[in-house]
Amino acid sequence: MGKQFTCPYCESKFPSKEDLSKHIDRIHDGSGLLEGDTRRF
Protein backbone atom coordinates (compact mmCIF):
# COMPACT_ATOMS: atom_id res chain seq x y z
CA MET A 1 0.00 0.00 0.00
CA GLY A 2 1.00 3.63 -0.37
CA LYS A 3 2.10 5.99 2.31
CA GLN A 4 -0.48 7.03 4.87
CA PHE A 5 -0.74 10.45 6.43
CA THR A 6 -1.37 10.61 10.18
CA CYS A 7 -3.28 13.43 11.83
CA PRO A 8 -1.00 15.21 14.31
CA TYR A 9 -3.99 15.89 16.58
CA CYS A 10 -5.80 12.56 16.85
CA GLU A 11 -3.59 9.97 15.09
CA SER A 12 -6.24 9.15 12.46
CA LYS A 13 -4.75 7.88 9.21
CA PHE A 14 -5.60 9.06 5.68
CA PRO A 15 -4.58 7.84 2.22
CA SER A 16 -3.71 11.31 0.92
CA LYS A 17 -2.57 14.69 2.16
CA GLU A 18 -5.76 16.20 0.74
CA ASP A 19 -7.92 13.86 2.82
CA LEU A 20 -5.86 14.66 5.91
CA SER A 21 -6.19 18.39 5.29
CA LYS A 22 -9.97 18.12 4.84
CA HIS A 23 -10.19 16.15 8.09
CA ILE A 24 -8.16 18.78 9.95
CA ASP A 25 -10.30 21.57 8.49
CA ARG A 26 -13.51 19.80 9.55
CA ILE A 27 -12.57 18.25 12.87
CA HIS A 28 -9.72 20.33 14.25
CA ASP A 29 -11.00 23.83 13.47
CA GLY A 30 -9.14 24.62 10.27
CA SER A 31 -5.60 24.00 11.43
CA GLY A 32 -4.68 22.56 8.00
CA LEU A 33 -1.88 25.07 7.58
CA LEU A 34 0.26 22.84 9.78
CA GLU A 35 0.18 20.27 7.00
CA GLY A 36 1.23 22.80 4.37
CA ASP A 37 -2.28 23.63 3.20
CA THR A 38 -1.93 27.21 1.97
CA ARG A 39 -5.07 27.29 -0.19
CA ARG A 40 -6.63 29.97 1.99
CA PHE A 41 -3.66 32.32 1.91
PDB file of N, CA and C in Angstrom:
ATOM      1  N   MET A   1       0.849  -1.191   0.000  1.00  0.00           N
ATOM      2  CA  MET A   1       0.000   0.000   0.000  1.00  0.00           C
ATOM      3  C   MET A   1       0.883   1.239   0.000  1.00  0.00           C
ATOM      4  N   GLY A   2       0.271   2.376  -0.344  1.00  0.00           N
ATOM      5  CA  GLY A   2       1.002   3.631  -0.367  1.00  0.00           C
ATOM      6  C   GLY A   2       1.175   4.203   1.026  1.00  0.00           C
ATOM      7  N   LYS A   3       1.852   5.312   1.053  1.00  0.00           N
ATOM      8  CA  LYS A   3       2.095   5.990   2.315  1.00  0.00           C
ATOM      9  C   LYS A   3       0.790   6.517   2.900  1.00  0.00           C
ATOM     10  N   GLN A   4       0.676   6.457   4.205  1.00  0.00           N
ATOM     11  CA  GLN A   4      -0.485   7.028   4.873  1.00  0.00           C
ATOM     12  C   GLN A   4      -0.054   8.278   5.622  1.00  0.00           C
ATOM     13  N   PHE A   5      -0.991   9.199   5.736  1.00  0.00           N
ATOM     14  CA  PHE A   5      -0.740  10.450   6.435  1.00  0.00           C
ATOM     15  C   PHE A   5      -1.491  10.416   7.752  1.00  0.00           C
ATOM     16  N   THR A   6      -0.795  10.693   8.839  1.00  0.00           N
ATOM     17  CA  THR A   6      -1.373  10.610  10.180  1.00  0.00           C
ATOM     18  C   THR A   6      -1.682  12.001  10.702  1.00  0.00           C
ATOM     19  N   CYS A   7      -2.876  12.163  11.247  1.00  0.00           N
ATOM     20  CA  CYS A   7      -3.283  13.432  11.830  1.00  0.00           C
ATOM     21  C   CYS A   7      -2.431  13.713  13.072  1.00  0.00           C
ATOM     22  N   PRO A   8      -1.825  14.906  13.137  1.00  0.00           N
ATOM     23  CA  PRO A   8      -1.000  15.213  14.309  1.00  0.00           C
ATOM     24  C   PRO A   8      -1.816  15.445  15.579  1.00  0.00           C
ATOM     25  N   TYR A   9      -3.130  15.614  15.427  1.00  0.00           N
ATOM     26  CA  TYR A   9      -3.986  15.890  16.577  1.00  0.00           C
ATOM     27  C   TYR A   9      -4.591  14.634  17.177  1.00  0.00           C
ATOM     28  N   CYS A  10      -5.052  13.707  16.319  1.00  0.00           N
ATOM     29  CA  CYS A  10      -5.795  12.559  16.855  1.00  0.00           C
ATOM     30  C   CYS A  10      -5.280  11.209  16.361  1.00  0.00           C
ATOM     31  N   GLU A  11      -4.202  11.210  15.558  1.00  0.00           N
ATOM     32  CA  GLU A  11      -3.586   9.965  15.087  1.00  0.00           C
ATOM     33  C   GLU A  11      -4.422   9.202  14.064  1.00  0.00           C
ATOM     34  N   SER A  12      -5.501   9.805  13.541  1.00  0.00           N
ATOM     35  CA  SER A  12      -6.245   9.154  12.462  1.00  0.00           C
ATOM     36  C   SER A  12      -5.357   9.079  11.227  1.00  0.00           C
ATOM     37  N   LYS A  13      -5.580   8.057  10.390  1.00  0.00           N
ATOM     38  CA  LYS A  13      -4.754   7.879   9.205  1.00  0.00           C
ATOM     39  C   LYS A  13      -5.574   8.119   7.940  1.00  0.00           C
ATOM     40  N   PHE A  14      -4.932   8.710   6.933  1.00  0.00           N
ATOM     41  CA  PHE A  14      -5.600   9.055   5.685  1.00  0.00           C
ATOM     42  C   PHE A  14      -4.725   8.679   4.505  1.00  0.00           C
ATOM     43  N   PRO A  15      -5.345   8.308   3.380  1.00  0.00           N
ATOM     44  CA  PRO A  15      -4.583   7.843   2.219  1.00  0.00           C
ATOM     45  C   PRO A  15      -3.908   8.966   1.444  1.00  0.00           C
ATOM     46  N   SER A  16      -4.328  10.211   1.653  1.00  0.00           N
ATOM     47  CA  SER A  16      -3.708  11.315   0.917  1.00  0.00           C
ATOM     48  C   SER A  16      -3.626  12.554   1.796  1.00  0.00           C
ATOM     49  N   LYS A  17      -2.731  13.447   1.415  1.00  0.00           N
ATOM     50  CA  LYS A  17      -2.567  14.690   2.164  1.00  0.00           C
ATOM     51  C   LYS A  17      -3.828  15.544   2.055  1.00  0.00           C
ATOM     52  N   GLU A  18      -4.510  15.454   0.909  1.00  0.00           N
ATOM     53  CA  GLU A  18      -5.757  16.204   0.737  1.00  0.00           C
ATOM     54  C   GLU A  18      -6.819  15.725   1.720  1.00  0.00           C
ATOM     55  N   ASP A  19      -6.944  14.411   1.869  1.00  0.00           N
ATOM     56  CA  ASP A  19      -7.919  13.863   2.819  1.00  0.00           C
ATOM     57  C   ASP A  19      -7.572  14.280   4.245  1.00  0.00           C
ATOM     58  N   LEU A  20      -6.294  14.244   4.574  1.00  0.00           N
ATOM     59  CA  LEU A  20      -5.863  14.659   5.905  1.00  0.00           C
ATOM     60  C   LEU A  20      -6.190  16.125   6.136  1.00  0.00           C
ATOM     61  N   SER A  21      -5.926  16.963   5.143  1.00  0.00           N
ATOM     62  CA  SER A  21      -6.193  18.390   5.287  1.00  0.00           C
ATOM     63  C   SER A  21      -7.682  18.661   5.464  1.00  0.00           C
ATOM     64  N   LYS A  22      -8.514  17.964   4.693  1.00  0.00           N
ATOM     65  CA  LYS A  22      -9.971  18.123   4.840  1.00  0.00           C
ATOM     66  C   LYS A  22     -10.413  17.717   6.241  1.00  0.00           C
ATOM     67  N   HIS A  23      -9.868  16.617   6.734  1.00  0.00           N
ATOM     68  CA  HIS A  23     -10.188  16.148   8.086  1.00  0.00           C
ATOM     69  C   HIS A  23      -9.810  17.210   9.122  1.00  0.00           C
ATOM     70  N   ILE A  24      -8.607  17.757   9.000  1.00  0.00           N
ATOM     71  CA  ILE A  24      -8.164  18.777   9.954  1.00  0.00           C
ATOM     72  C   ILE A  24      -9.070  20.001   9.872  1.00  0.00           C
ATOM     73  N   ASP A  25      -9.413  20.417   8.662  1.00  0.00           N
ATOM     74  CA  ASP A  25     -10.303  21.572   8.486  1.00  0.00           C
ATOM     75  C   ASP A  25     -11.651  21.332   9.157  1.00  0.00           C
ATOM     76  N   ARG A  26     -12.195  20.122   8.997  1.00  0.00           N
ATOM     77  CA  ARG A  26     -13.513  19.804   9.548  1.00  0.00           C
ATOM     78  C   ARG A  26     -13.477  19.571  11.051  1.00  0.00           C
ATOM     79  N   ILE A  27     -12.545  18.753  11.498  1.00  0.00           N
ATOM     80  CA  ILE A  27     -12.569  18.252  12.866  1.00  0.00           C
ATOM     81  C   ILE A  27     -11.755  19.117  13.821  1.00  0.00           C
ATOM     82  N   HIS A  28     -10.639  19.626  13.352  1.00  0.00           N
ATOM     83  CA  HIS A  28      -9.719  20.330  14.252  1.00  0.00           C
ATOM     84  C   HIS A  28      -9.689  21.828  13.965  1.00  0.00           C
ATOM     85  N   ASP A  29     -10.818  22.385  13.564  1.00  0.00           N
ATOM     86  CA  ASP A  29     -10.999  23.826  13.467  1.00  0.00           C
ATOM     87  C   ASP A  29     -10.041  24.519  12.506  1.00  0.00           C
ATOM     88  N   GLY A  30      -9.878  23.927  11.326  1.00  0.00           N
ATOM     89  CA  GLY A  30      -9.145  24.618  10.274  1.00  0.00           C
ATOM     90  C   GLY A  30      -7.666  24.805  10.506  1.00  0.00           C
ATOM     91  N   SER A  31      -7.025  23.878  11.184  1.00  0.00           N
ATOM     92  CA  SER A  31      -5.597  24.001  11.428  1.00  0.00           C
ATOM     93  C   SER A  31      -4.775  23.362  10.315  1.00  0.00           C
ATOM     94  N   GLY A  32      -5.342  23.235   9.119  1.00  0.00           N
ATOM     95  CA  GLY A  32      -4.682  22.562   8.003  1.00  0.00           C
ATOM     96  C   GLY A  32      -3.366  23.176   7.595  1.00  0.00           C
ATOM     97  N   LEU A  33      -3.130  24.422   7.950  1.00  0.00           N
ATOM     98  CA  LEU A  33      -1.884  25.072   7.579  1.00  0.00           C
ATOM     99  C   LEU A  33      -0.677  24.307   8.106  1.00  0.00           C
ATOM    100  N   LEU A  34      -0.847  23.616   9.227  1.00  0.00           N
ATOM    101  CA  LEU A  34       0.261  22.839   9.783  1.00  0.00           C
ATOM    102  C   LEU A  34       0.714  21.761   8.819  1.00  0.00           C
ATOM    103  N   GLU A  35      -0.163  21.302   7.962  1.00  0.00           N
ATOM    104  CA  GLU A  35       0.178  20.272   7.000  1.00  0.00           C
ATOM    105  C   GLU A  35       0.566  20.866   5.653  1.00  0.00           C
ATOM    106  N   GLY A  36       0.814  22.177   5.607  1.00  0.00           N
ATOM    107  CA  GLY A  36       1.230  22.804   4.370  1.00  0.00           C
ATOM    108  C   GLY A  36       0.085  23.204   3.472  1.00  0.00           C
ATOM    109  N   ASP A  37      -1.127  23.236   3.997  1.00  0.00           N
ATOM    110  CA  ASP A  37      -2.284  23.633   3.199  1.00  0.00           C
ATOM    111  C   ASP A  37      -2.363  25.154   3.180  1.00  0.00           C
ATOM    112  N   THR A  38      -1.956  25.747   2.063  1.00  0.00           N
ATOM    113  CA  THR A  38      -1.931  27.206   1.967  1.00  0.00           C
ATOM    114  C   THR A  38      -3.027  27.712   1.029  1.00  0.00           C
ATOM    115  N   ARG A  39      -4.024  26.886   0.749  1.00  0.00           N
ATOM    116  CA  ARG A  39      -5.072  27.289  -0.188  1.00  0.00           C
ATOM    117  C   ARG A  39      -5.803  28.553   0.228  1.00  0.00           C
ATOM    118  N   ARG A  40      -5.889  28.815   1.522  1.00  0.00           N
ATOM    119  CA  ARG A  40      -6.633  29.970   1.995  1.00  0.00           C
ATOM    120  C   ARG A  40      -5.825  31.249   2.006  1.00  0.00           C
ATOM    121  N   PHE A  41      -4.528  31.160   1.732  1.00  0.00           N
ATOM    122  CA  PHE A  41      -3.661  32.316   1.913  1.00  0.00           C
ATOM    123  C   PHE A  41      -3.145  32.857   0.599  1.00  0.00           C
TER     124      PHE A  41
END
